[in-house]
Amino acid sequence: MNFFWVFNLVLLLMIQVHAAADDGLITAACKKAVAESPKVNYDFCVSSLEADPKSNTYDIFALSVESYKHLLEKENSIKSYINKLLKDGKQSPEVKLALDGCSQDYSDTTEPTEDALASFRARDYNASFTLLQVILGCLEHCTDRFDGKITSPLEKEENEFFQLIVISNAITEMALDIQPLS
């Protein structure tokens, strides 16, 4: 009977230590992302990285791959949203013109996003960083189309996309610290 209680106690402690270590990785990644840009919301970062129930078992490399997958998902979501806005016919001519341009901008992000993920998986971190900058450039180009004179209906989505870019960049930097370039 004593063995049973000792075994359960040790098992419980091991589970708590494991969970604390995993929370530390996500916490560290989000703190790094927030430090890179004040536009990154810590809670958004944590919730996006914890979206996959298995994320608490990920190492830095798996967590980074997951962050790149979030980029692809958000990119596809924004493209769908732009198409919906263009089809609903409720946009002013100025907004429609900007959305048409943004549609092209986001079409230009597909290949670099997929290539950034492939580069990361190949441990080519420099290529990943460069491609994340290309993706950021496409986002900024779309944002510039609204140039403050007209309100962008993409503001919330683009803010989240920006944060996901910074999060992916921060986690890639953490992976680089663990496995430096040769």
C-alpha atoms as a PDB file:
ATOM      1  CA  MET A   1       0.000   0.000   0.000  1.00  0.00           C
ATOM      2  CA  ASN A   2       2.874   2.392   0.822  1.00  0.00           C
ATOM      3  CA  PHE A   3       4.443   1.763  -2.574  1.00  0.00           C
ATOM      4  CA  PHE A   4       1.195   2.774  -4.280  1.00  0.00           C
ATOM      5  CA  TRP A   5       1.119   6.187  -2.548  1.00  0.00           C
ATOM      6  CA  VAL A   6       4.801   6.849  -3.137  1.00  0.00           C
ATOM      7  CA  PHE A   7       4.447   5.905  -6.811  1.00  0.00           C
ATOM      8  CA  ASN A   8       1.453   8.250  -7.267  1.00  0.00           C
ATOM      9  CA  LEU A   9       3.252  11.073  -5.485  1.00  0.00           C
ATOM     10  CA  VAL A  10       6.360  10.693  -7.662  1.00  0.00           C
ATOM     11  CA  LEU A  11       4.205  10.478 -10.798  1.00  0.00           C
ATOM     12  CA  LEU A  12       2.305  13.633  -9.834  1.00  0.00           C
ATOM     13  CA  LEU A  13       5.539  15.531  -9.190  1.00  0.00           C
ATOM     14  CA  MET A  14       6.980  14.425 -12.540  1.00  0.00           C
ATOM     15  CA  ILE A  15       3.875  15.612 -14.378  1.00  0.00           C
ATOM     16  CA  GLN A  16       4.016  19.008 -12.651  1.00  0.00           C
ATOM     17  CA  VAL A  17       7.721  19.466 -13.393  1.00  0.00           C
ATOM     18  CA  HIS A  18       7.154  18.508 -17.041  1.00  0.00           C
ATOM     19  CA  ALA A  19       4.242  20.944 -17.360  1.00  0.00           C
ATOM     20  CA  ALA A  20       6.237  23.735 -15.733  1.00  0.00           C
ATOM     21  CA  ALA A  21       9.117  23.199 -18.163  1.00  0.00           C
ATOM     22  CA  ASP A  22       6.772  23.295 -21.148  1.00  0.00           C
ATOM     23  CA  ASP A  23       5.008  26.414 -19.907  1.00  0.00           C
ATOM     24  CA  GLY A  24       8.470  27.929 -19.586  1.00  0.00           C
ATOM     25  CA  LEU A  25       9.186  27.432 -23.284  1.00  0.00           C
ATOM     26  CA  ILE A  26       5.970  29.121 -24.390  1.00  0.00           C
ATOM     27  CA  THR A  27       6.459  31.859 -21.801  1.00  0.00           C
ATOM     28  CA  ALA A  28      10.030  32.458 -22.966  1.00  0.00           C
ATOM     29  CA  ALA A  29       8.970  32.530 -26.622  1.00  0.00           C
ATOM     30  CA  CYS A  30       6.197  35.020 -25.924  1.00  0.00           C
ATOM     31  CA  LYS A  31       8.394  37.236 -23.763  1.00  0.00           C
ATOM     32  CA  LYS A  32      10.955  37.300 -26.577  1.00  0.00           C
ATOM     33  CA  ALA A  33       8.262  38.165 -29.152  1.00  0.00           C
ATOM     34  CA  VAL A  34       6.901  40.980 -26.951  1.00  0.00           C
ATOM     35  CA  ALA A  35      10.448  42.294 -26.478  1.00  0.00           C
ATOM     36  CA  GLU A  36      10.927  42.327 -30.264  1.00  0.00           C
ATOM     37  CA  SER A  37       7.785  44.369 -30.849  1.00  0.00           C
ATOM     38  CA  PRO A  38       5.465  46.216 -28.490  1.00  0.00           C
ATOM     39  CA  LYS A  39       2.674  45.424 -30.979  1.00  0.00           C
ATOM     40  CA  VAL A  40       2.769  41.775 -29.883  1.00  0.00           C
ATOM     41  CA  ASN A  41       0.203  41.011 -27.217  1.00  0.00           C
ATOM     42  CA  TYR A  42       1.538  38.497 -24.706  1.00  0.00           C
ATOM     43  CA  ASP A  43      -1.857  36.809 -24.173  1.00  0.00           C
ATOM     44  CA  PHE A  44      -2.399  36.503 -27.937  1.00  0.00           C
ATOM     45  CA  CYS A  45       1.017  34.878 -28.247  1.00  0.00           C
ATOM     46  CA  VAL A  46       0.372  32.366 -25.474  1.00  0.00           C
ATOM     47  CA  SER A  47      -3.097  31.455 -26.751  1.00  0.00           C
ATOM     48  CA  SER A  48      -1.853  30.980 -30.313  1.00  0.00           C
ATOM     49  CA  LEU A  49       1.011  28.738 -29.196  1.00  0.00           C
ATOM     50  CA  GLU A  50      -1.255  26.780 -26.864  1.00  0.00           C
ATOM     51  CA  ALA A  51      -3.959  26.344 -29.527  1.00  0.00           C
ATOM     52  CA  ASP A  52      -2.709  22.848 -30.249  1.00  0.00           C
ATOM     53  CA  PRO A  53      -3.410  20.703 -27.177  1.00  0.00           C
ATOM     54  CA  LYS A  54      -0.109  18.884 -27.800  1.00  0.00           C
ATOM     55  CA  SER A  55       1.937  22.106 -27.692  1.00  0.00           C
ATOM     56  CA  ASN A  56       2.862  21.487 -24.068  1.00  0.00           C
ATOM     57  CA  THR A  57       4.906  18.502 -25.271  1.00  0.00           C
ATOM     58  CA  TYR A  58       6.753  20.401 -28.023  1.00  0.00           C
ATOM     59  CA  ASP A  59      10.410  21.255 -28.005  1.00  0.00           C
ATOM     60  CA  ILE A  60      11.581  24.547 -29.521  1.00  0.00           C
ATOM     61  CA  PHE A  61      11.759  23.081 -33.030  1.00  0.00           C
ATOM     62  CA  ALA A  62       8.233  21.648 -32.990  1.00  0.00           C
ATOM     63  CA  LEU A  63       6.913  24.868 -31.447  1.00  0.00           C
ATOM     64  CA  SER A  64       8.521  26.866 -34.232  1.00  0.00           C
ATOM     65  CA  VAL A  65       7.003  24.633 -36.918  1.00  0.00           C
ATOM     66  CA  GLU A  66       3.637  25.151 -35.228  1.00  0.00           C
ATOM     67  CA  SER A  67       4.116  28.932 -35.333  1.00  0.00           C
ATOM     68  CA  TYR A  68       4.819  28.778 -39.076  1.00  0.00           C
ATOM     69  CA  LYS A  69       1.673  26.703 -39.553  1.00  0.00           C
ATOM     70  CA  HIS A  70      -0.284  29.454 -37.752  1.00  0.00           C
ATOM     71  CA  LEU A  71       1.143  31.931 -40.268  1.00  0.00           C
ATOM     72  CA  LEU A  72      -0.129  29.825 -43.163  1.00  0.00           C
ATOM     73  CA  GLU A  73      -3.556  29.466 -41.559  1.00  0.00           C
ATOM     74  CA  LYS A  74      -3.888  33.205 -40.889  1.00  0.00           C
ATOM     75  CA  GLU A  75      -2.671  34.044 -44.387  1.00  0.00           C
ATOM     76  CA  ASN A  76      -5.347  31.777 -45.899  1.00  0.00           C
ATOM     77  CA  SER A  77      -7.957  33.226 -43.564  1.00  0.00           C
ATOM     78  CA  ILE A  78      -7.093  36.781 -44.627  1.00  0.00           C
ATOM     79  CA  LYS A  79      -7.226  35.857 -48.324  1.00  0.00           C
ATOM     80  CA  SER A  80     -10.687  34.330 -47.824  1.00  0.00           C
ATOM     81  CA  TYR A  81     -11.838  37.380 -45.884  1.00  0.00           C
ATOM     82  CA  ILE A  82     -10.614  39.737 -48.612  1.00  0.00           C
ATOM     83  CA  ASN A  83     -12.497  37.710 -51.239  1.00  0.00           C
ATOM     84  CA  LYS A  84     -15.646  37.814 -49.080  1.00  0.00           C
ATOM     85  CA  LEU A  85     -15.364  41.600 -48.697  1.00  0.00           C
ATOM     86  CA  LEU A  86     -14.820  42.063 -52.434  1.00  0.00           C
ATOM     87  CA  LYS A  87     -17.852  39.916 -53.274  1.00  0.00           C
ATOM     88  CA  ASP A  88     -20.290  41.478 -50.794  1.00  0.00           C
ATOM     89  CA  GLY A  89     -20.436  44.734 -52.799  1.00  0.00           C
ATOM     90  CA  LYS A  90     -20.642  46.893 -49.665  1.00  0.00           C
ATOM     91  CA  GLN A  91     -17.190  48.480 -49.998  1.00  0.00           C
ATOM     92  CA  SER A  92     -16.594  51.998 -51.227  1.00  0.00           C
ATOM     93  CA  PRO A  93     -14.629  52.303 -54.492  1.00  0.00           C
ATOM     94  CA  GLU A  94     -11.520  53.378 -52.542  1.00  0.00           C
ATOM     95  CA  VAL A  95     -11.719  50.420 -50.160  1.00  0.00           C
ATOM     96  CA  LYS A  96     -12.433  48.036 -53.046  1.00  0.00           C
ATOM     97  CA  LEU A  97      -9.353  49.296 -54.901  1.00  0.00           C
ATOM     98  CA  ALA A  98      -7.193  48.831 -51.787  1.00  0.00           C
ATOM     99  CA  LEU A  99      -8.638  45.360 -51.192  1.00  0.00           C
ATOM    100  CA  ASP A 100      -7.913  44.370 -54.794  1.00  0.00           C
ATOM    101  CA  GLY A 101      -4.280  45.318 -54.221  1.00  0.00           C
ATOM    102  CA  CYS A 102      -4.207  43.510 -50.876  1.00  0.00           C
ATOM    103  CA  SER A 103      -5.561  40.414 -52.566  1.00  0.00           C
ATOM    104  CA  GLN A 104      -2.475  40.425 -54.780  1.00  0.00           C
ATOM    105  CA  ASP A 105      -0.198  41.210 -51.831  1.00  0.00           C
ATOM    106  CA  TYR A 106      -1.486  38.207 -49.905  1.00  0.00           C
ATOM    107  CA  SER A 107      -1.239  35.993 -52.976  1.00  0.00           C
ATOM    108  CA  ASP A 108       2.437  36.943 -52.969  1.00  0.00           C
ATOM    109  CA  THR A 109       2.850  35.650 -49.395  1.00  0.00           C
ATOM    110  CA  THR A 110       1.932  32.005 -50.055  1.00  0.00           C
ATOM    111  CA  GLU A 111       5.232  30.847 -51.509  1.00  0.00           C
ATOM    112  CA  PRO A 112       7.477  32.718 -49.052  1.00  0.00           C
ATOM    113  CA  THR A 113       5.463  31.399 -46.100  1.00  0.00           C
ATOM    114  CA  GLU A 114       5.688  27.813 -47.304  1.00  0.00           C
ATOM    115  CA  ASP A 115       9.388  28.299 -48.094  1.00  0.00           C
ATOM    116  CA  ALA A 116      10.049  29.812 -44.646  1.00  0.00           C
ATOM    117  CA  LEU A 117       8.593  26.701 -43.034  1.00  0.00           C
ATOM    118  CA  ALA A 118      10.598  24.414 -45.338  1.00  0.00           C
ATOM    119  CA  SER A 119      13.760  26.412 -44.635  1.00  0.00           C
ATOM    120  CA  PHE A 120      13.215  26.150 -40.917  1.00  0.00           C
ATOM    121  CA  ARG A 121      12.689  22.408 -41.144  1.00  0.00           C
ATOM    122  CA  ALA A 122      15.973  22.201 -43.094  1.00  0.00           C
ATOM    123  CA  ARG A 123      17.623  24.253 -40.301  1.00  0.00           C
ATOM    124  CA  ASP A 124      18.341  27.064 -42.788  1.00  0.00           C
ATOM    125  CA  TYR A 125      17.495  29.793 -40.286  1.00  0.00           C
ATOM    126  CA  ASN A 126      18.922  32.647 -42.358  1.00  0.00           C
ATOM    127  CA  ALA A 127      16.544  31.792 -45.199  1.00  0.00           C
ATOM    128  CA  SER A 128      13.671  31.605 -42.706  1.00  0.00           C
ATOM    129  CA  PHE A 129      14.506  35.070 -41.346  1.00  0.00           C
ATOM    130  CA  THR A 130      14.757  36.514 -44.855  1.00  0.00           C
ATOM    131  CA  LEU A 131      11.445  34.982 -45.919  1.00  0.00           C
ATOM    132  CA  LEU A 132       9.712  36.268 -42.786  1.00  0.00           C
ATOM    133  CA  GLN A 133      10.874  39.757 -43.810  1.00  0.00           C
ATOM    134  CA  VAL A 134       9.402  39.203 -47.296  1.00  0.00           C
ATOM    135  CA  ILE A 135       6.087  38.215 -45.712  1.00  0.00           C
ATOM    136  CA  LEU A 136       6.221  41.283 -43.470  1.00  0.00           C
ATOM    137  CA  GLY A 137       6.842  43.432 -46.549  1.00  0.00           C
ATOM    138  CA  CYS A 138       3.704  42.067 -48.219  1.00  0.00           C
ATOM    139  CA  LEU A 139       1.694  42.829 -45.085  1.00  0.00           C
ATOM    140  CA  GLU A 140       3.075  46.369 -44.894  1.00  0.00           C
ATOM    141  CA  HIS A 141       2.364  46.925 -48.588  1.00  0.00           C
ATOM    142  CA  CYS A 142      -1.282  46.012 -48.038  1.00  0.00           C
ATOM    143  CA  THR A 143      -1.489  48.226 -44.955  1.00  0.00           C
ATOM    144  CA  ASP A 144       0.018  51.141 -46.907  1.00  0.00           C
ATOM    145  CA  ARG A 145      -2.761  50.863 -49.504  1.00  0.00           C
ATOM    146  CA  PHE A 146      -5.150  52.314 -46.919  1.00  0.00           C
ATOM    147  CA  ASP A 147      -2.663  55.126 -46.098  1.00  0.00           C
ATOM    148  CA  GLY A 148      -4.665  56.448 -43.161  1.00  0.00           C
ATOM    149  CA  LYS A 149      -7.247  58.168 -45.358  1.00  0.00           C
ATOM    150  CA  ILE A 150      -9.607  55.221 -45.377  1.00  0.00           C
ATOM    151  CA  THR A 151     -10.270  52.674 -42.659  1.00  0.00           C
ATOM    152  CA  SER A 152      -9.000  49.213 -43.404  1.00  0.00           C
ATOM    153  CA  PRO A 153     -11.491  46.410 -42.850  1.00  0.00           C
ATOM    154  CA  LEU A 154      -8.428  44.167 -42.439  1.00  0.00           C
ATOM    155  CA  GLU A 155      -6.998  45.932 -39.405  1.00  0.00           C
ATOM    156  CA  LYS A 156      -7.711  43.170 -36.859  1.00  0.00           C
ATOM    157  CA  GLU A 157      -6.598  40.352 -39.172  1.00  0.00           C
ATOM    158  CA  GLU A 158      -3.431  42.163 -40.198  1.00  0.00           C
ATOM    159  CA  ASN A 159      -2.585  42.930 -36.581  1.00  0.00           C
ATOM    160  CA  GLU A 160      -2.840  39.228 -35.749  1.00  0.00           C
ATOM    161  CA  PHE A 161      -0.815  38.288 -38.849  1.00  0.00           C
ATOM    162  CA  PHE A 162       1.899  40.758 -37.856  1.00  0.00           C
ATOM    163  CA  GLN A 163       2.037  39.253 -34.375  1.00  0.00           C
ATOM    164  CA  LEU A 164       2.330  35.735 -35.808  1.00  0.00           C
ATOM    165  CA  ILE A 165       5.251  36.859 -38.001  1.00  0.00           C
ATOM    166  CA  VAL A 166       7.054  38.297 -34.960  1.00  0.00           C
ATOM    167  CA  ILE A 167       6.298  35.167 -32.917  1.00  0.00           C
ATOM    168  CA  SER A 168       7.721  32.919 -35.650  1.00  0.00           C
ATOM    169  CA  ASN A 169      10.779  35.127 -35.885  1.00  0.00           C
ATOM    170  CA  ALA A 170      11.338  35.050 -32.107  1.00  0.00           C
ATOM    171  CA  ILE A 171      11.026  31.273 -31.884  1.00  0.00           C
ATOM    172  CA  THR A 172      13.340  30.828 -34.873  1.00  0.00           C
ATOM    173  CA  GLU A 173      15.918  32.971 -33.038  1.00  0.00           C
ATOM    174  CA  MET A 174      15.519  30.743 -29.970  1.00  0.00           C
ATOM    175  CA  ALA A 175      16.073  27.647 -32.102  1.00  0.00           C
ATOM    176  CA  LEU A 176      19.169  29.268 -33.586  1.00  0.00           C
ATOM    177  CA  ASP A 177      20.505  29.842 -30.056  1.00  0.00           C
ATOM    178  CA  ILE A 178      20.102  26.126 -29.375  1.00  0.00           C
ATOM    179  CA  GLN A 179      21.495  24.920 -32.687  1.00  0.00           C
ATOM    180  CA  PRO A 180      23.822  27.617 -34.075  1.00  0.00           C
ATOM    181  CA  LEU A 181      24.663  27.801 -37.734  1.00  0.00           C
ATOM    182  CA  SER A 182      27.760  25.844 -38.693  1.00  0.00           C
END
